[in-house]
PDB file of all heavy atoms in Angstrom:
ATOM      1  N   THR A   1      -4.421   6.600  41.173  1.00  0.00           N
ATOM      2  CA  THR A   1      -4.342   5.702  42.330  1.00  0.00           C
ATOM      3  C   THR A   1      -5.006   4.364  42.012  1.00  0.00           C
ATOM      4  O   THR A   1      -6.032   4.003  42.585  1.00  0.00           O
ATOM      5  CB  THR A   1      -4.997   6.323  43.580  1.00  0.00           C
ATOM      6  OG1 THR A   1      -6.343   6.748  43.240  1.00  0.00           O
ATOM      7  CG2 THR A   1      -4.210   7.511  44.082  1.00  0.00           C
ATOM      8  N   PRO A   2      -4.447   3.595  41.084  1.00  0.00           N
ATOM      9  CA  PRO A   2      -5.037   2.290  40.763  1.00  0.00           C
ATOM     10  C   PRO A   2      -4.998   1.349  41.961  1.00  0.00           C
ATOM     11  O   PRO A   2      -4.209   1.530  42.888  1.00  0.00           O
ATOM     12  CB  PRO A   2      -4.137   1.781  39.625  1.00  0.00           C
ATOM     13  CG  PRO A   2      -2.834   2.484  39.826  1.00  0.00           C
ATOM     14  CD  PRO A   2      -3.196   3.844  40.362  1.00  0.00           C
ATOM     15  N   GLY A   3      -5.851   0.358  41.901  1.00  0.00           N
ATOM     16  CA  GLY A   3      -5.937  -0.619  42.988  1.00  0.00           C
ATOM     17  C   GLY A   3      -7.358  -1.115  43.143  1.00  0.00           C
ATOM     18  O   GLY A   3      -7.634  -2.309  43.080  1.00  0.00           O
ATOM     19  N   HIS A   4      -8.293  -0.184  43.320  1.00  0.00           N
ATOM     20  CA  HIS A   4      -9.714  -0.548  43.350  1.00  0.00           C
ATOM     21  C   HIS A   4     -10.178  -0.854  41.931  1.00  0.00           C
ATOM     22  O   HIS A   4     -10.908  -1.826  41.689  1.00  0.00           O
ATOM     23  CB  HIS A   4     -10.514   0.595  43.958  1.00  0.00           C
ATOM     24  CG  HIS A   4     -11.979   0.308  44.090  1.00  0.00           C
ATOM     25  ND1 HIS A   4     -12.460  -0.721  44.868  1.00  0.00           N
ATOM     26  CD2 HIS A   4     -13.065   0.915  43.540  1.00  0.00           C
ATOM     27  CE1 HIS A   4     -13.788  -0.735  44.795  1.00  0.00           C
ATOM     28  NE2 HIS A   4     -14.179   0.234  43.989  1.00  0.00           N
ATOM     29  N   THR A   5      -9.796  -0.009  40.997  1.00  0.00           N
ATOM     30  CA  THR A   5      -9.927  -0.263  39.557  1.00  0.00           C
ATOM     31  C   THR A   5      -8.609   0.148  38.913  1.00  0.00           C
ATOM     32  O   THR A   5      -7.780   0.806  39.540  1.00  0.00           O
ATOM     33  CB  THR A   5     -11.073   0.551  38.916  1.00  0.00           C
ATOM     34  OG1 THR A   5     -10.759   1.947  39.004  1.00  0.00           O
ATOM     35  CG2 THR A   5     -12.407   0.277  39.607  1.00  0.00           C
ATOM     36  N   ARG A   6      -8.448  -0.201  37.657  1.00  0.00           N
ATOM     37  CA  ARG A   6      -7.206   0.163  36.958  1.00  0.00           C
ATOM     38  C   ARG A   6      -7.050   1.676  36.849  1.00  0.00           C
ATOM     39  O   ARG A   6      -5.940   2.201  36.892  1.00  0.00           O
ATOM     40  CB  ARG A   6      -7.185  -0.442  35.551  1.00  0.00           C
ATOM     41  CG  ARG A   6      -6.996  -1.942  35.523  1.00  0.00           C
ATOM     42  CD  ARG A   6      -6.784  -2.440  34.109  1.00  0.00           C
ATOM     43  NE  ARG A   6      -6.649  -3.900  34.078  1.00  0.00           N
ATOM     44  CZ  ARG A   6      -7.671  -4.730  33.923  1.00  0.00           C
ATOM     45  NH1 ARG A   6      -8.886  -4.257  33.780  1.00  0.00           N
ATOM     46  NH2 ARG A   6      -7.479  -6.043  33.906  1.00  0.00           N
ATOM     47  N   GLY A   7      -8.162   2.361  36.703  1.00  0.00           N
ATOM     48  CA  GLY A   7      -8.094   3.803  36.459  1.00  0.00           C
ATOM     49  C   GLY A   7      -8.592   4.670  37.593  1.00  0.00           C
ATOM     50  O   GLY A   7      -8.952   5.831  37.370  1.00  0.00           O
ATOM     51  N   SER A   8      -8.631   4.137  38.793  1.00  0.00           N
ATOM     52  CA  SER A   8      -9.054   4.965  39.938  1.00  0.00           C
ATOM     53  C   SER A   8      -8.142   6.179  40.069  1.00  0.00           C
ATOM     54  O   SER A   8      -6.924   6.077  39.920  1.00  0.00           O
ATOM     55  CB  SER A   8      -8.998   4.152  41.235  1.00  0.00           C
ATOM     56  OG  SER A   8     -10.047   3.214  41.301  1.00  0.00           O
ATOM     57  N   VAL A   9      -8.757   7.318  40.360  1.00  0.00           N
ATOM     58  CA  VAL A   9      -7.990   8.541  40.594  1.00  0.00           C
ATOM     59  C   VAL A   9      -8.509   9.232  41.842  1.00  0.00           C
ATOM     60  O   VAL A   9      -9.654   9.028  42.269  1.00  0.00           O
ATOM     61  CB  VAL A   9      -8.066   9.524  39.400  1.00  0.00           C
ATOM     62  CG1 VAL A   9      -7.489   8.905  38.136  1.00  0.00           C
ATOM     63  CG2 VAL A   9      -9.491  10.016  39.168  1.00  0.00           C
ATOM     64  N   CYS A  10      -7.656  10.075  42.413  1.00  0.00           N
ATOM     65  CA  CYS A  10      -8.052  10.998  43.461  1.00  0.00           C
ATOM     66  C   CYS A  10      -7.935  12.406  42.896  1.00  0.00           C
ATOM     67  O   CYS A  10      -7.187  12.654  41.947  1.00  0.00           O
ATOM     68  CB  CYS A  10      -7.163  10.858  44.692  1.00  0.00           C
ATOM     69  SG  CYS A  10      -7.271   9.235  45.483  1.00  0.00           S
ATOM     70  N   TYR A  11      -8.682  13.323  43.480  1.00  0.00           N
ATOM     71  CA  TYR A  11      -8.638  14.723  43.059  1.00  0.00           C
ATOM     72  C   TYR A  11      -8.189  15.565  44.242  1.00  0.00           C
ATOM     73  O   TYR A  11      -8.772  15.479  45.324  1.00  0.00           O
ATOM     74  CB  TYR A  11     -10.011  15.179  42.568  1.00  0.00           C
ATOM     75  CG  TYR A  11     -10.486  14.459  41.325  1.00  0.00           C
ATOM     76  CD1 TYR A  11     -11.409  13.418  41.417  1.00  0.00           C
ATOM     77  CD2 TYR A  11     -10.018  14.818  40.067  1.00  0.00           C
ATOM     78  CE1 TYR A  11     -11.847  12.755  40.275  1.00  0.00           C
ATOM     79  CE2 TYR A  11     -10.456  14.157  38.921  1.00  0.00           C
ATOM     80  CZ  TYR A  11     -11.370  13.135  39.029  1.00  0.00           C
ATOM     81  OH  TYR A  11     -11.806  12.476  37.901  1.00  0.00           O
ATOM     82  N   LYS A  12      -7.176  16.397  44.019  1.00  0.00           N
ATOM     83  CA  LYS A  12      -6.621  17.239  45.076  1.00  0.00           C
ATOM     84  C   LYS A  12      -6.820  18.701  44.715  1.00  0.00           C
ATOM     85  O   LYS A  12      -6.429  19.145  43.633  1.00  0.00           O
ATOM     86  CB  LYS A  12      -5.134  16.944  45.270  1.00  0.00           C
ATOM     87  CG  LYS A  12      -4.451  17.779  46.345  1.00  0.00           C
ATOM     88  CD  LYS A  12      -3.084  17.211  46.707  1.00  0.00           C
ATOM     89  CE  LYS A  12      -2.063  17.409  45.608  1.00  0.00           C
ATOM     90  NZ  LYS A  12      -1.614  18.807  45.483  1.00  0.00           N
ATOM     91  N   ALA A  13      -7.440  19.444  45.624  1.00  0.00           N
ATOM     92  CA  ALA A  13      -7.671  20.873  45.422  1.00  0.00           C
ATOM     93  C   ALA A  13      -7.320  21.596  46.720  1.00  0.00           C
ATOM     94  O   ALA A  13      -8.041  21.459  47.717  1.00  0.00           O
ATOM     95  CB  ALA A  13      -9.117  21.146  45.042  1.00  0.00           C
ATOM     96  N   GLY A  14      -6.201  22.310  46.718  1.00  0.00           N
ATOM     97  CA  GLY A  14      -5.758  22.930  47.964  1.00  0.00           C
ATOM     98  C   GLY A  14      -5.480  21.858  48.995  1.00  0.00           C
ATOM     99  O   GLY A  14      -4.700  20.942  48.756  1.00  0.00           O
ATOM    100  N   LYS A  15      -6.148  21.951  50.136  1.00  0.00           N
ATOM    101  CA  LYS A  15      -5.983  20.960  51.204  1.00  0.00           C
ATOM    102  C   LYS A  15      -7.145  19.964  51.243  1.00  0.00           C
ATOM    103  O   LYS A  15      -7.359  19.281  52.249  1.00  0.00           O
ATOM    104  CB  LYS A  15      -5.826  21.655  52.558  1.00  0.00           C
ATOM    105  CG  LYS A  15      -4.472  22.347  52.714  1.00  0.00           C
ATOM    106  CD  LYS A  15      -3.321  21.347  52.655  1.00  0.00           C
ATOM    107  CE  LYS A  15      -1.965  21.979  52.857  1.00  0.00           C
ATOM    108  NZ  LYS A  15      -0.864  20.979  52.775  1.00  0.00           N
ATOM    109  N   GLU A  16      -7.885  19.873  50.146  1.00  0.00           N
ATOM    110  CA  GLU A  16      -8.999  18.936  50.047  1.00  0.00           C
ATOM    111  C   GLU A  16      -8.564  17.770  49.151  1.00  0.00           C
ATOM    112  O   GLU A  16      -8.031  17.979  48.058  1.00  0.00           O
ATOM    113  CB  GLU A  16     -10.236  19.606  49.464  1.00  0.00           C
ATOM    114  CG  GLU A  16     -10.505  21.031  49.947  1.00  0.00           C
ATOM    115  CD  GLU A  16     -10.692  21.164  51.444  1.00  0.00           C
ATOM    116  OE1 GLU A  16     -10.938  20.144  52.124  1.00  0.00           O
ATOM    117  OE2 GLU A  16     -10.589  22.283  51.945  1.00  0.00           O
ATOM    118  N   LEU A  17      -8.814  16.545  49.611  1.00  0.00           N
ATOM    119  CA  LEU A  17      -8.399  15.352  48.876  1.00  0.00           C
ATOM    120  C   LEU A  17      -9.588  14.401  48.762  1.00  0.00           C
ATOM    121  O   LEU A  17     -10.082  13.873  49.763  1.00  0.00           O
ATOM    122  CB  LEU A  17      -7.237  14.668  49.607  1.00  0.00           C
ATOM    123  CG  LEU A  17      -6.609  13.442  48.953  1.00  0.00           C
ATOM    124  CD1 LEU A  17      -5.988  13.794  47.605  1.00  0.00           C
ATOM    125  CD2 LEU A  17      -5.562  12.827  49.882  1.00  0.00           C
ATOM    126  N   PHE A  18     -10.049  14.204  47.535  1.00  0.00           N
ATOM    127  CA  PHE A  18     -11.206  13.353  47.264  1.00  0.00           C
ATOM    128  C   PHE A  18     -10.685  11.995  46.798  1.00  0.00           C
ATOM    129  O   PHE A  18     -10.104  11.885  45.719  1.00  0.00           O
ATOM    130  CB  PHE A  18     -12.089  13.996  46.199  1.00  0.00           C
ATOM    131  CG  PHE A  18     -12.566  15.374  46.586  1.00  0.00           C
ATOM    132  CD1 PHE A  18     -11.832  16.501  46.225  1.00  0.00           C
ATOM    133  CD2 PHE A  18     -13.722  15.547  47.333  1.00  0.00           C
ATOM    134  CE1 PHE A  18     -12.256  17.777  46.591  1.00  0.00           C
ATOM    135  CE2 PHE A  18     -14.148  16.818  47.707  1.00  0.00           C
ATOM    136  CZ  PHE A  18     -13.410  17.935  47.338  1.00  0.00           C
ATOM    137  N   THR A  19     -10.900  10.970  47.627  1.00  0.00           N
ATOM    138  CA  THR A  19     -10.186   9.705  47.431  1.00  0.00           C
ATOM    139  C   THR A  19     -11.029   8.571  46.854  1.00  0.00           C
ATOM    140  O   THR A  19     -10.518   7.460  46.681  1.00  0.00           O
ATOM    141  CB  THR A  19      -9.555   9.241  48.755  1.00  0.00           C
ATOM    142  OG1 THR A  19     -10.588   9.092  49.746  1.00  0.00           O
ATOM    143  CG2 THR A  19      -8.525  10.248  49.253  1.00  0.00           C
ATOM    144  N   GLY A  20     -12.294   8.807  46.544  1.00  0.00           N
ATOM    145  CA  GLY A  20     -13.108   7.749  45.951  1.00  0.00           C
ATOM    146  C   GLY A  20     -13.071   6.487  46.788  1.00  0.00           C
ATOM    147  O   GLY A  20     -13.196   6.529  48.012  1.00  0.00           O
ATOM    148  N   ASP A  21     -12.871   5.352  46.121  1.00  0.00           N
ATOM    149  CA  ASP A  21     -12.801   4.071  46.833  1.00  0.00           C
ATOM    150  C   ASP A  21     -11.360   3.583  46.977  1.00  0.00           C
ATOM    151  O   ASP A  21     -11.105   2.377  47.048  1.00  0.00           O
ATOM    152  CB  ASP A  21     -13.649   3.021  46.116  1.00  0.00           C
ATOM    153  CG  ASP A  21     -15.140   3.247  46.329  1.00  0.00           C
ATOM    154  OD1 ASP A  21     -15.501   4.272  46.946  1.00  0.00           O
ATOM    155  OD2 ASP A  21     -15.937   2.421  45.852  1.00  0.00           O
ATOM    156  N   THR A  22     -10.432   4.528  47.030  1.00  0.00           N
ATOM    157  CA  THR A  22      -9.038   4.177  47.302  1.00  0.00           C
ATOM    158  C   THR A  22      -8.778   4.209  48.797  1.00  0.00           C
ATOM    159  O   THR A  22      -8.450   3.185  49.403  1.00  0.00           O
ATOM    160  CB  THR A  22      -8.066   5.116  46.566  1.00  0.00           C
ATOM    161  OG1 THR A  22      -8.272   4.980  45.152  1.00  0.00           O
ATOM    162  CG2 THR A  22      -6.608   4.783  46.904  1.00  0.00           C
ATOM    163  N   LEU A  23      -8.927   5.349  49.413  1.00  0.00           N
ATOM    164  CA  LEU A  23      -8.648   5.509  50.836  1.00  0.00           C
ATOM    165  C   LEU A  23      -9.929   5.816  51.592  1.00  0.00           C
ATOM    166  O   LEU A  23     -10.639   6.775  51.269  1.00  0.00           O
ATOM    167  CB  LEU A  23      -7.639   6.651  51.050  1.00  0.00           C
ATOM    168  CG  LEU A  23      -7.318   7.030  52.497  1.00  0.00           C
ATOM    169  CD1 LEU A  23      -6.672   5.861  53.243  1.00  0.00           C
ATOM    170  CD2 LEU A  23      -6.412   8.263  52.532  1.00  0.00           C
ATOM    171  N   PHE A  24     -10.240   4.993  52.589  1.00  0.00           N
ATOM    172  CA  PHE A  24     -11.355   5.220  53.500  1.00  0.00           C
ATOM    173  C   PHE A  24     -10.814   5.523  54.892  1.00  0.00           C
ATOM    174  O   PHE A  24      -9.623   5.330  55.164  1.00  0.00           O
ATOM    175  CB  PHE A  24     -12.251   3.976  53.604  1.00  0.00           C
ATOM    176  CG  PHE A  24     -12.929   3.582  52.327  1.00  0.00           C
ATOM    177  CD1 PHE A  24     -13.068   2.247  52.001  1.00  0.00           C
ATOM    178  CD2 PHE A  24     -13.446   4.536  51.477  1.00  0.00           C
ATOM    179  CE1 PHE A  24     -13.715   1.862  50.833  1.00  0.00           C
ATOM    180  CE2 PHE A  24     -14.094   4.176  50.308  1.00  0.00           C
ATOM    181  CZ  PHE A  24     -14.228   2.831  49.987  1.00  0.00           C
ATOM    182  N   CYS A  25     -11.691   5.937  55.770  1.00  0.00           N
ATOM    183  CA  CYS A  25     -11.319   6.113  57.170  1.00  0.00           C
ATOM    184  C   CYS A  25     -10.983   4.740  57.762  1.00  0.00           C
ATOM    185  O   CYS A  25     -11.841   3.858  57.828  1.00  0.00           O
ATOM    186  CB  CYS A  25     -12.455   6.768  57.944  1.00  0.00           C
ATOM    187  SG  CYS A  25     -12.088   7.039  59.689  1.00  0.00           S
ATOM    188  N   LEU A  26      -9.727   4.554  58.114  1.00  0.00           N
ATOM    189  CA  LEU A  26      -9.212   3.331  58.747  1.00  0.00           C
ATOM    190  C   LEU A  26      -9.273   2.093  57.859  1.00  0.00           C
ATOM    191  O   LEU A  26      -9.155   0.968  58.341  1.00  0.00           O
ATOM    192  CB  LEU A  26      -9.927   3.061  60.074  1.00  0.00           C
ATOM    193  CG  LEU A  26      -9.759   4.153  61.141  1.00  0.00           C
ATOM    194  CD1 LEU A  26     -10.583   3.817  62.380  1.00  0.00           C
ATOM    195  CD2 LEU A  26      -8.289   4.323  61.504  1.00  0.00           C
ATOM    196  N   SER A  27      -9.459   2.287  56.556  1.00  0.00           N
ATOM    197  CA  SER A  27      -9.464   1.139  55.647  1.00  0.00           C
ATOM    198  C   SER A  27      -9.179   1.622  54.231  1.00  0.00           C
ATOM    199  O   SER A  27      -8.818   2.774  54.008  1.00  0.00           O
ATOM    200  CB  SER A  27     -10.800   0.381  55.720  1.00  0.00           C
ATOM    201  OG  SER A  27     -11.857   1.185  55.239  1.00  0.00           O
ATOM    202  N   CYS A  28      -9.394   0.726  53.267  1.00  0.00           N
ATOM    203  CA  CYS A  28      -9.202   1.092  51.866  1.00  0.00           C
ATOM    204  C   CYS A  28     -10.214   0.335  51.020  1.00  0.00           C
ATOM    205  O   CYS A  28     -10.948  -0.520  51.524  1.00  0.00           O
ATOM    206  CB  CYS A  28      -7.768   0.792  51.412  1.00  0.00           C
ATOM    207  SG  CYS A  28      -7.364  -0.975  51.368  1.00  0.00           S
ATOM    208  N   GLY A  29     -10.235   0.641  49.736  1.00  0.00           N
ATOM    209  CA  GLY A  29     -11.202   0.022  48.845  1.00  0.00           C
ATOM    210  C   GLY A  29     -10.898  -1.437  48.551  1.00  0.00           C
ATOM    211  O   GLY A  29      -9.767  -1.907  48.723  1.00  0.00           O
ATOM    212  N   ARG A  30     -11.918  -2.150  48.100  1.00  0.00           N
ATOM    213  CA  ARG A  30     -11.765  -3.551  47.727  1.00  0.00           C
ATOM    214  C   ARG A  30     -10.882  -3.686  46.494  1.00  0.00           C
ATOM    215  O   ARG A  30     -10.819  -2.786  45.649  1.00  0.00           O
ATOM    216  CB  ARG A  30     -13.141  -4.162  47.443  1.00  0.00           C
ATOM    217  CG  ARG A  30     -14.019  -4.248  48.657  1.00  0.00           C
ATOM    218  CD  ARG A  30     -15.412  -4.724  48.305  1.00  0.00           C
ATOM    219  NE  ARG A  30     -15.419  -6.052  47.683  1.00  0.00           N
ATOM    220  CZ  ARG A  30     -16.515  -6.781  47.492  1.00  0.00           C
ATOM    221  NH1 ARG A  30     -17.694  -6.316  47.891  1.00  0.00           N
ATOM    222  NH2 ARG A  30     -16.446  -7.963  46.916  1.00  0.00           N
TER     223      ARG A  30
END
């Protein structure tokens, strides 16, 4: 999920999604 950095990633495990600085509640990363 690049955008915040070139190599930003999210981790998905079952129904859990760890989004780092890509997706925030009602916003997104710089």
